[in-house]
Amino acid sequence: MSTPVTGCRLAELTGLPLLSTTTTCPAPQAAYRRLREGWGQVVPVDLDPGIPAWLVMGYREIRAVVRDELHFSRDSTHWRLLQEGRISPDSGLLPIMAPRDNAYFSDGAKHRRLRAPLVDALAGLSEQHMARLIRATCDRLIDRLPADGPIDLVAPYAAQVPMLTVAGLFGIPTDLGERLQACVIALFGSGGDAQALFAEMEAILTGIISAHRAAPAADLTTAFLDHPNHRDDAEVLASMLLTLGAGWETTQVWIAQTLRIMLTDSRFAAQVRGGHLGIDDALDHVLWTDPPMANQLTRWATSDTVLAGQHIARGDALILGLAAANADPWAGAQDRIDTGNRAHLAFGIGLHACPAQRASRLIARTAVETILHRLPDARLDIPAAEVPLHPSPWTRGPAHLLVTATRTRN
């Protein structure tokens, strides 16, 4: 794409780049840079072949979109391709993009009503209790790692810490938590198994809700059930799906990405291990340079409009390129390690900003600190360029991190 093209409509375009190329390529910022040079700050992409959307990559443009829910709605009933029946009923996109009665896919008064149970339940969590639970979980998982040979820091650790923590907070047994983890991975993969595993996820959580109806407990499930803003169990289920899906996936990727950068960037690792860069600042650096939710779904245009020179038609889908926006020359912090800078877009902004920031940061911080303490000499067992990535158009994170390390006692 050497010639800038503006003023086009998605319906006029064919052969668009796949959104997943930005999350599965070895150098995502180079990919974003090429897209920006060819199209500007708003780029036409395919979610799946023949399923077009706009990727918004400008920092200012994303801020404008998320602050204007009148023209850019979270309600996917506006999606023109869905209205026209152009999305296959078995599409892997539907479990993550189809309309839901939860806070994520709503606007205005409905959004405020459905967001309140999440905010209130999370605010009621004891940080001290959470910290003890997370620390014990991290130590237990490290004790289970093999004593000999390479150790994978993703599947048995980074993915398990938030899974066991969140499952515990909802009162979900460990075995069901592990099944839910597989479901969430499929959900964000948006592949051929997404529909079946999303149905399994709904079935598991419906059983958890029924059990808590019969025997309430001091956990998030009961807090959701008791909240007056939830009108029925269907809305409780939708809120649980949202909390587990969005919070779980992004937190495990955040942990894994931080560990990956520590293992592959000697300058970054030295500053963290030497105490020159605090864990929270290290975590924020990752949110700037390689945020877990690289491409956030979705806003839908409620009327014809123009954004950064592109003609957006009513019903078009807009994907928020958070990783691209953080590297926008206008606002990015890519060439330095900042401290105290939390102007990144990784948690979202405005009315739909993530309500679980405190909890997810505590989980990520504790997980990284425990690795530094328990595996102080960890070193990557394969070349950095060969670290495999999870296949997802939305999140970008390592599928495995094989290391050699000496495990210290707790």
Protein backbone atom coordinates (compact mmCIF):
# COMPACT_ATOMS: atom_id res chain seq x y z
CA MET A 1 0.00 0.00 0.00
CA SER A 2 2.21 2.79 -1.18
CA THR A 3 -0.50 5.26 -2.21
CA PRO A 4 -2.66 6.77 0.53
CA VAL A 5 -6.34 6.11 -0.09
CA THR A 6 -9.06 7.98 1.76
CA GLY A 7 -12.75 8.56 1.42
CA CYS A 8 -13.54 4.90 0.63
CA ARG A 9 -16.35 2.70 1.94
CA LEU A 10 -15.94 -0.84 3.18
CA ALA A 11 -18.47 -2.11 0.65
CA GLU A 12 -16.19 -0.92 -2.15
CA LEU A 13 -13.11 -2.79 -0.94
CA THR A 14 -11.88 -6.34 -1.51
CA GLY A 15 -8.77 -8.26 -0.51
CA LEU A 16 -8.28 -6.43 2.78
CA PRO A 17 -5.52 -7.36 5.25
CA LEU A 18 -6.68 -9.70 8.01
CA LEU A 19 -6.89 -8.13 11.47
CA SER A 20 -5.08 -11.17 12.91
CA THR A 21 -1.91 -10.26 11.00
CA THR A 22 -1.34 -7.48 13.54
CA THR A 23 -1.38 -9.93 16.49
CA THR A 24 0.42 -12.92 14.97
CA CYS A 25 3.25 -11.22 13.06
CA PRO A 26 6.71 -10.98 14.68
CA ALA A 27 6.84 -7.16 14.52
CA PRO A 28 3.36 -5.71 15.12
CA GLN A 29 4.47 -2.09 15.29
CA ALA A 30 6.07 -2.44 11.86
CA ALA A 31 2.77 -3.83 10.58
CA TYR A 32 0.83 -0.94 12.13
CA ARG A 33 3.32 1.50 10.64
CA ARG A 34 2.82 0.08 7.14
CA LEU A 35 -0.96 0.23 7.53
CA ARG A 36 -0.75 3.80 8.78
CA GLU A 37 1.45 4.82 5.84
CA GLY A 38 -0.99 3.28 3.38
CA TRP A 39 -4.32 4.29 4.85
CA GLY A 40 -3.88 6.82 7.64
CA GLN A 41 -5.26 6.45 11.15
CA VAL A 42 -8.35 4.44 10.16
CA VAL A 43 -7.69 1.28 8.14
CA PRO A 44 -10.05 -1.18 6.42
CA VAL A 45 -9.38 -4.78 7.50
CA ASP A 46 -11.07 -8.18 7.33
CA LEU A 47 -12.04 -9.87 10.61
CA ASP A 48 -12.44 -13.07 8.62
CA PRO A 49 -12.14 -13.28 4.85
CA GLY A 50 -15.04 -11.26 3.46
CA ILE A 51 -16.04 -9.82 6.86
CA PRO A 52 -14.76 -6.20 6.77
CA ALA A 53 -14.34 -3.71 9.59
CA TRP A 54 -12.40 -0.54 10.31
CA LEU A 55 -9.28 -0.64 12.50
CA VAL A 56 -8.94 2.70 14.32
CA MET A 57 -5.22 3.22 15.03
CA GLY A 58 -4.96 6.88 16.02
CA TYR A 59 -4.72 7.79 19.71
CA ARG A 60 -6.91 10.88 19.26
CA GLU A 61 -9.33 9.04 16.99
CA ILE A 62 -9.88 6.25 19.54
CA ARG A 63 -10.50 8.81 22.28
CA ALA A 64 -13.04 10.55 20.05
CA VAL A 65 -14.85 7.29 19.22
CA VAL A 66 -15.15 5.98 22.79
CA ARG A 67 -16.43 9.33 24.07
CA ASP A 68 -19.21 9.50 21.48
CA GLU A 69 -21.58 6.61 22.13
CA LEU A 70 -24.36 8.47 20.30
CA HIS A 71 -22.58 7.90 16.96
CA PHE A 72 -20.39 4.91 17.90
CA SER A 73 -22.39 2.37 19.89
CA ARG A 74 -21.31 -0.72 21.83
CA ASP A 75 -24.62 -2.42 20.91
CA SER A 76 -23.87 -4.98 18.19
CA THR A 77 -27.50 -5.07 17.03
CA HIS A 78 -26.32 -2.09 14.93
CA TRP A 79 -23.92 -4.36 12.99
CA ARG A 80 -25.13 -4.14 9.39
CA LEU A 81 -23.54 -7.42 8.30
CA LEU A 82 -25.39 -9.19 11.11
CA GLN A 83 -28.67 -7.49 10.18
CA GLU A 84 -28.23 -8.52 6.55
CA GLY A 85 -27.49 -12.15 7.44
CA ARG A 86 -23.96 -11.99 6.06
CA ILE A 87 -22.42 -13.49 9.21
CA SER A 88 -22.61 -17.27 9.09
CA PRO A 89 -24.50 -18.80 12.04
CA ASP A 90 -21.45 -20.96 12.78
CA SER A 91 -18.93 -18.08 12.54
CA GLY A 92 -16.27 -18.07 15.22
CA LEU A 93 -16.80 -14.31 15.52
CA LEU A 94 -20.34 -14.58 16.90
CA PRO A 95 -19.52 -15.78 20.45
CA ILE A 96 -17.42 -12.67 21.03
CA MET A 97 -19.30 -10.13 18.86
CA ALA A 98 -22.99 -11.11 18.95
CA PRO A 99 -25.39 -8.95 21.03
CA ARG A 100 -25.34 -9.67 24.77
CA ASP A 101 -27.30 -8.25 27.68
CA ASN A 102 -24.24 -7.15 29.60
CA ALA A 103 -22.41 -3.91 30.33
CA TYR A 104 -19.97 -4.37 27.46
CA PHE A 105 -22.58 -4.45 24.70
CA SER A 106 -24.84 -1.67 25.95
CA ASP A 107 -24.98 2.12 26.09
CA GLY A 108 -26.60 4.83 28.16
CA ALA A 109 -28.90 3.93 31.04
CA LYS A 110 -28.75 0.19 30.30
CA HIS A 111 -24.96 0.28 30.43
CA ARG A 112 -24.98 2.14 33.74
CA ARG A 113 -27.46 -0.35 35.21
CA LEU A 114 -25.48 -3.41 34.13
CA ARG A 115 -22.08 -1.97 34.97
CA ALA A 116 -23.05 -1.19 38.58
CA PRO A 117 -23.07 -4.86 39.75
CA LEU A 118 -19.53 -5.32 38.41
CA VAL A 119 -18.24 -2.12 40.02
CA ASP A 120 -19.96 -2.79 43.35
CA ALA A 121 -18.91 -6.45 43.58
CA LEU A 122 -15.27 -5.69 42.72
CA ALA A 123 -15.19 -2.76 45.15
CA GLY A 124 -16.34 -5.11 47.91
CA LEU A 125 -13.33 -7.41 47.49
CA SER A 126 -10.78 -7.37 50.29
CA GLU A 127 -7.39 -6.52 48.80
CA GLN A 128 -5.66 -8.25 51.71
CA HIS A 129 -7.67 -11.43 51.15
CA MET A 130 -6.99 -11.29 47.42
CA ALA A 131 -3.27 -10.74 47.94
CA ARG A 132 -3.02 -13.79 50.25
CA LEU A 133 -4.98 -15.92 47.79
CA ILE A 134 -2.84 -14.85 44.82
CA ARG A 135 0.48 -15.31 46.64
CA ALA A 136 -0.51 -18.79 47.82
CA THR A 137 -1.66 -19.68 44.31
CA CYS A 138 1.61 -18.48 42.74
CA ASP A 139 3.77 -20.40 45.19
CA ARG A 140 1.68 -23.56 44.79
CA LEU A 141 1.95 -23.42 41.01
CA ILE A 142 5.72 -22.85 41.09
CA ASP A 143 6.12 -25.78 43.48
CA ARG A 144 4.33 -27.95 40.89
CA LEU A 145 6.65 -26.99 38.04
CA PRO A 146 9.01 -29.81 36.91
CA ALA A 147 12.32 -29.96 38.72
CA ASP A 148 14.26 -30.97 35.61
CA GLY A 149 14.20 -29.78 32.03
CA PRO A 150 12.57 -26.71 30.50
CA ILE A 151 9.76 -25.01 32.42
CA ASP A 152 6.82 -23.40 30.62
CA LEU A 153 5.83 -20.15 32.34
CA VAL A 154 2.58 -19.70 30.37
CA ALA A 155 0.15 -22.64 30.49
CA PRO A 156 1.13 -23.96 33.96
CA TYR A 157 1.68 -20.51 35.49
CA ALA A 158 0.70 -17.23 33.78
CA ALA A 159 -2.58 -18.71 32.57
CA GLN A 160 -3.29 -20.53 35.82
CA VAL A 161 -2.76 -17.68 38.28
CA PRO A 162 -5.70 -15.55 37.11
CA MET A 163 -7.80 -18.64 36.40
CA LEU A 164 -7.48 -20.02 39.91
CA THR A 165 -7.80 -16.57 41.47
CA VAL A 166 -10.92 -15.54 39.56
CA ALA A 167 -12.50 -18.97 39.90
CA GLY A 168 -11.91 -18.80 43.63
CA LEU A 169 -13.46 -15.34 43.87
CA PHE A 170 -16.58 -16.64 42.09
CA GLY A 171 -16.71 -19.82 44.18
CA ILE A 172 -16.00 -22.00 41.12
CA PRO A 173 -14.28 -25.37 41.77
CA THR A 174 -10.80 -25.75 40.29
CA ASP A 175 -11.75 -28.49 37.81
CA LEU A 176 -14.53 -26.34 36.36
CA GLY A 177 -12.20 -23.35 36.33
CA GLU A 178 -9.81 -25.29 34.11
CA ARG A 179 -12.62 -26.08 31.66
CA LEU A 180 -13.65 -22.42 31.66
CA GLN A 181 -10.09 -21.46 30.82
CA ALA A 182 -10.19 -23.64 27.69
CA CYS A 183 -13.49 -22.00 26.75
CA VAL A 184 -12.10 -18.47 27.12
CA ILE A 185 -9.04 -19.33 25.00
CA ALA A 186 -11.37 -20.55 22.24
CA LEU A 187 -13.58 -17.47 22.62
CA PHE A 188 -10.70 -15.07 21.98
CA GLY A 189 -9.30 -17.30 19.25
CA SER A 190 -12.55 -16.75 17.29
CA GLY A 191 -11.92 -20.02 15.46
CA GLY A 192 -13.99 -23.04 14.52
CA ASP A 193 -14.33 -24.32 18.11
CA ALA A 194 -15.50 -21.00 19.57
CA GLN A 195 -19.24 -21.72 19.30
CA ALA A 196 -19.15 -25.13 20.98
CA LEU A 197 -16.88 -24.06 23.82
CA PHE A 198 -18.86 -20.88 24.42
CA ALA A 199 -21.98 -23.05 24.84
CA GLU A 200 -20.04 -25.19 27.32
CA MET A 201 -18.99 -22.05 29.20
CA GLU A 202 -22.62 -20.93 29.46
CA ALA A 203 -23.65 -24.37 30.73
CA ILE A 204 -20.95 -24.45 33.41
CA LEU A 205 -21.81 -20.98 34.70
CA THR A 206 -25.55 -21.72 34.65
CA GLY A 207 -24.82 -24.63 36.97
CA ILE A 208 -22.74 -22.39 39.25
CA ILE A 209 -25.58 -19.86 39.41
CA SER A 210 -28.11 -22.59 40.30
CA ALA A 211 -25.83 -23.95 43.03
CA HIS A 212 -25.41 -20.47 44.52
CA ARG A 213 -29.15 -19.86 44.40
CA ALA A 214 -29.53 -22.92 46.60
CA ALA A 215 -26.53 -22.19 48.83
CA PRO A 216 -25.37 -18.53 48.83
CA ALA A 217 -21.75 -17.85 49.74
CA ALA A 218 -19.43 -14.91 50.37
CA ASP A 219 -18.20 -14.66 46.78
CA LEU A 220 -18.72 -12.74 43.54
CA THR A 221 -21.39 -15.11 42.22
CA THR A 222 -23.63 -14.43 45.20
CA ALA A 223 -22.83 -10.70 45.01
CA PHE A 224 -24.01 -10.72 41.37
CA LEU A 225 -27.14 -12.68 42.28
CA ASP A 226 -27.99 -10.31 45.13
CA HIS A 227 -27.46 -7.08 43.22
CA PRO A 228 -30.77 -5.28 42.58
CA ASN A 229 -29.68 -4.15 39.10
CA HIS A 230 -29.65 -7.72 37.81
CA ARG A 231 -33.22 -8.45 36.75
CA ASP A 232 -32.84 -12.21 36.25
CA ASP A 233 -30.34 -15.05 36.11
CA ALA A 234 -29.78 -14.44 32.40
CA GLU A 235 -28.28 -11.03 33.23
CA VAL A 236 -26.21 -12.58 36.02
CA LEU A 237 -24.90 -15.12 33.52
CA ALA A 238 -24.07 -12.36 31.03
CA SER A 239 -22.15 -10.41 33.70
CA MET A 240 -20.22 -13.51 34.75
CA LEU A 241 -19.32 -14.28 31.14
CA LEU A 242 -18.06 -10.73 30.71
CA THR A 243 -16.01 -10.71 33.92
CA LEU A 244 -14.45 -14.11 33.35
CA GLY A 245 -13.82 -13.61 29.65
CA ALA A 246 -12.45 -10.09 29.50
CA GLY A 247 -10.67 -10.05 32.86
CA TRP A 248 -9.23 -13.52 32.74
CA GLU A 249 -7.81 -13.47 29.22
CA THR A 250 -6.23 -10.03 29.39
CA THR A 251 -4.66 -10.61 32.82
CA GLN A 252 -3.00 -13.88 31.84
CA VAL A 253 -1.67 -12.30 28.64
CA TRP A 254 -0.43 -9.28 30.65
CA ILE A 255 1.54 -11.57 32.96
CA ALA A 256 2.94 -13.63 30.09
CA GLN A 257 3.90 -10.55 28.05
CA THR A 258 5.71 -9.00 31.03
CA LEU A 259 7.66 -12.22 31.60
CA ARG A 260 8.45 -12.47 27.88
CA ILE A 261 9.90 -8.95 27.77
CA MET A 262 11.91 -9.59 30.93
CA LEU A 263 13.36 -12.72 29.30
CA THR A 264 14.13 -11.11 25.93
CA ASP A 265 15.06 -7.49 26.75
CA SER A 266 18.20 -7.39 28.88
CA ARG A 267 17.91 -3.64 29.57
CA PHE A 268 14.34 -4.02 30.81
CA ALA A 269 15.20 -7.08 32.90
CA ALA A 270 18.23 -5.39 34.49
CA GLN A 271 16.19 -2.35 35.53
CA VAL A 272 13.49 -4.54 37.08
CA ARG A 273 15.84 -6.94 38.84
CA GLY A 274 18.04 -4.09 40.05
CA GLY A 275 15.11 -2.23 41.53
CA HIS A 276 15.53 0.77 39.22
CA LEU A 277 12.14 0.06 37.66
CA GLY A 278 9.29 -0.85 40.00
CA ILE A 279 7.01 -3.76 39.15
CA ASP A 280 4.05 -1.44 38.56
CA ASP A 281 6.10 0.71 36.20
CA ALA A 282 7.30 -2.42 34.40
CA LEU A 283 3.71 -3.58 34.03
CA ASP A 284 2.70 -0.18 32.65
CA HIS A 285 5.58 -0.27 30.19
CA VAL A 286 4.13 -3.51 28.82
CA LEU A 287 0.70 -1.88 28.59
CA TRP A 288 2.30 0.84 26.46
CA THR A 289 4.47 -1.30 24.19
CA ASP A 290 2.57 -4.58 23.85
CA PRO A 291 -0.85 -4.36 25.53
CA PRO A 292 -2.65 -7.69 26.03
CA MET A 293 -5.79 -6.50 24.22
CA ALA A 294 -4.07 -5.30 21.08
CA ASN A 295 -7.33 -4.85 19.17
CA GLN A 296 -10.41 -4.13 21.24
CA LEU A 297 -13.85 -4.96 19.97
CA THR A 298 -16.04 -3.13 18.97
CA ARG A 299 -17.99 0.04 18.22
CA TRP A 300 -20.71 0.22 15.56
CA ALA A 301 -21.52 3.38 13.64
CA THR A 302 -25.13 4.46 14.21
CA SER A 303 -25.10 6.84 11.22
CA ASP A 304 -22.98 7.71 8.20
CA THR A 305 -19.99 9.75 9.31
CA VAL A 306 -16.37 10.59 8.49
CA LEU A 307 -13.44 9.63 10.73
CA ALA A 308 -9.87 10.60 9.86
CA GLY A 309 -10.84 11.04 6.22
CA GLN A 310 -12.60 7.68 5.88
CA HIS A 311 -16.31 7.49 5.11
CA ILE A 312 -17.85 5.26 7.79
CA ALA A 313 -21.27 3.88 6.85
CA ARG A 314 -24.08 3.24 9.33
CA GLY A 315 -23.67 -0.26 10.74
CA ASP A 316 -19.92 -0.53 10.06
CA ALA A 317 -17.84 -2.20 12.77
CA LEU A 318 -14.90 -0.27 14.24
CA ILE A 319 -12.11 -2.12 16.04
CA LEU A 320 -9.99 -0.05 18.46
CA GLY A 321 -6.31 -0.67 17.76
CA LEU A 322 -5.00 -0.05 21.28
CA ALA A 323 -1.48 -1.28 20.53
CA ALA A 324 -1.32 0.86 17.41
CA ALA A 325 -2.64 3.93 19.23
CA ASN A 326 -0.09 3.61 22.01
CA ALA A 327 2.60 3.80 19.31
CA ASP A 328 0.94 6.68 17.51
CA PRO A 329 3.71 9.25 16.92
CA TRP A 330 1.36 11.84 18.40
CA ALA A 331 1.25 10.16 21.83
CA GLY A 332 3.36 6.98 21.96
CA ALA A 333 6.06 6.09 24.47
CA GLN A 334 7.75 3.39 22.40
CA ASP A 335 11.36 4.54 22.51
CA ARG A 336 11.82 4.88 26.22
CA ILE A 337 10.88 3.21 29.49
CA ASP A 338 8.58 5.69 31.20
CA THR A 339 7.77 5.68 34.90
CA GLY A 340 4.43 6.85 36.24
CA ASN A 341 2.90 7.26 32.77
CA ARG A 342 -0.55 5.64 32.65
CA ALA A 343 -1.96 7.53 29.69
CA HIS A 344 -1.98 4.31 27.66
CA LEU A 345 -5.31 2.99 26.41
CA ALA A 346 -4.87 -0.60 27.60
CA PHE A 347 -7.69 -0.41 30.17
CA GLY A 348 -9.91 1.67 27.93
CA ILE A 349 -11.15 5.15 28.74
CA GLY A 350 -14.43 6.87 29.38
CA LEU A 351 -17.66 5.20 30.45
CA HIS A 352 -16.51 1.73 29.37
CA ALA A 353 -13.10 1.75 31.07
CA CYS A 354 -12.27 -1.59 32.69
CA PRO A 355 -13.81 -1.78 36.19
CA ALA A 356 -11.37 -4.51 37.28
CA GLN A 357 -8.12 -2.56 36.95
CA ARG A 358 -7.23 -2.81 40.65
CA ALA A 359 -7.83 -6.56 40.81
CA SER A 360 -6.05 -7.39 37.56
CA ARG A 361 -3.02 -5.27 38.50
CA LEU A 362 -2.76 -7.01 41.87
CA ILE A 363 -2.86 -10.42 40.17
CA ALA A 364 -0.28 -9.44 37.54
CA ARG A 365 2.05 -7.73 40.01
CA THR A 366 2.04 -10.67 42.41
CA ALA A 367 2.58 -13.19 39.63
CA VAL A 368 5.60 -11.33 38.26
CA GLU A 369 7.09 -10.62 41.70
CA THR A 370 6.81 -14.29 42.64
CA ILE A 371 8.72 -15.37 39.52
CA LEU A 372 11.48 -12.87 40.33
CA HIS A 373 11.71 -14.27 43.85
CA ARG A 374 11.30 -17.98 43.15
CA LEU A 375 13.04 -18.28 39.74
CA PRO A 376 15.68 -15.56 39.95
CA ASP A 377 17.96 -16.97 37.24
CA ALA A 378 15.28 -17.87 34.68
CA ARG A 379 16.53 -17.70 31.10
CA LEU A 380 14.73 -18.39 27.86
CA ASP A 381 15.38 -21.86 26.43
CA ILE A 382 14.72 -20.90 22.80
CA PRO A 383 15.64 -17.86 20.68
CA ALA A 384 13.39 -14.88 21.39
CA ALA A 385 12.22 -14.80 17.77
CA GLU A 386 10.90 -18.36 18.11
CA VAL A 387 8.50 -17.70 21.01
CA PRO A 388 5.12 -18.89 19.65
CA LEU A 389 2.05 -16.66 19.87
CA HIS A 390 -1.55 -17.49 20.69
CA PRO A 391 -3.69 -17.34 17.52
CA SER A 392 -6.14 -14.50 18.17
CA PRO A 393 -7.15 -11.37 16.27
CA TRP A 394 -7.78 -9.56 19.56
CA THR A 395 -5.07 -10.39 22.09
CA ARG A 396 -1.34 -10.79 21.51
CA GLY A 397 0.66 -12.95 23.86
CA PRO A 398 3.05 -15.90 23.99
CA ALA A 399 1.60 -19.40 23.85
CA HIS A 400 4.67 -20.80 25.65
CA LEU A 401 7.73 -19.44 27.45
CA LEU A 402 10.16 -22.30 27.92
CA VAL A 403 12.88 -21.42 30.44
CA THR A 404 15.65 -23.02 32.41
CA ALA A 405 15.71 -21.89 36.03
CA THR A 406 16.74 -22.79 39.55
CA ARG A 407 13.75 -22.84 41.84
CA THR A 408 14.29 -21.32 45.27
CA ARG A 409 12.28 -22.12 48.37
CA ASN A 410 9.31 -20.05 49.33
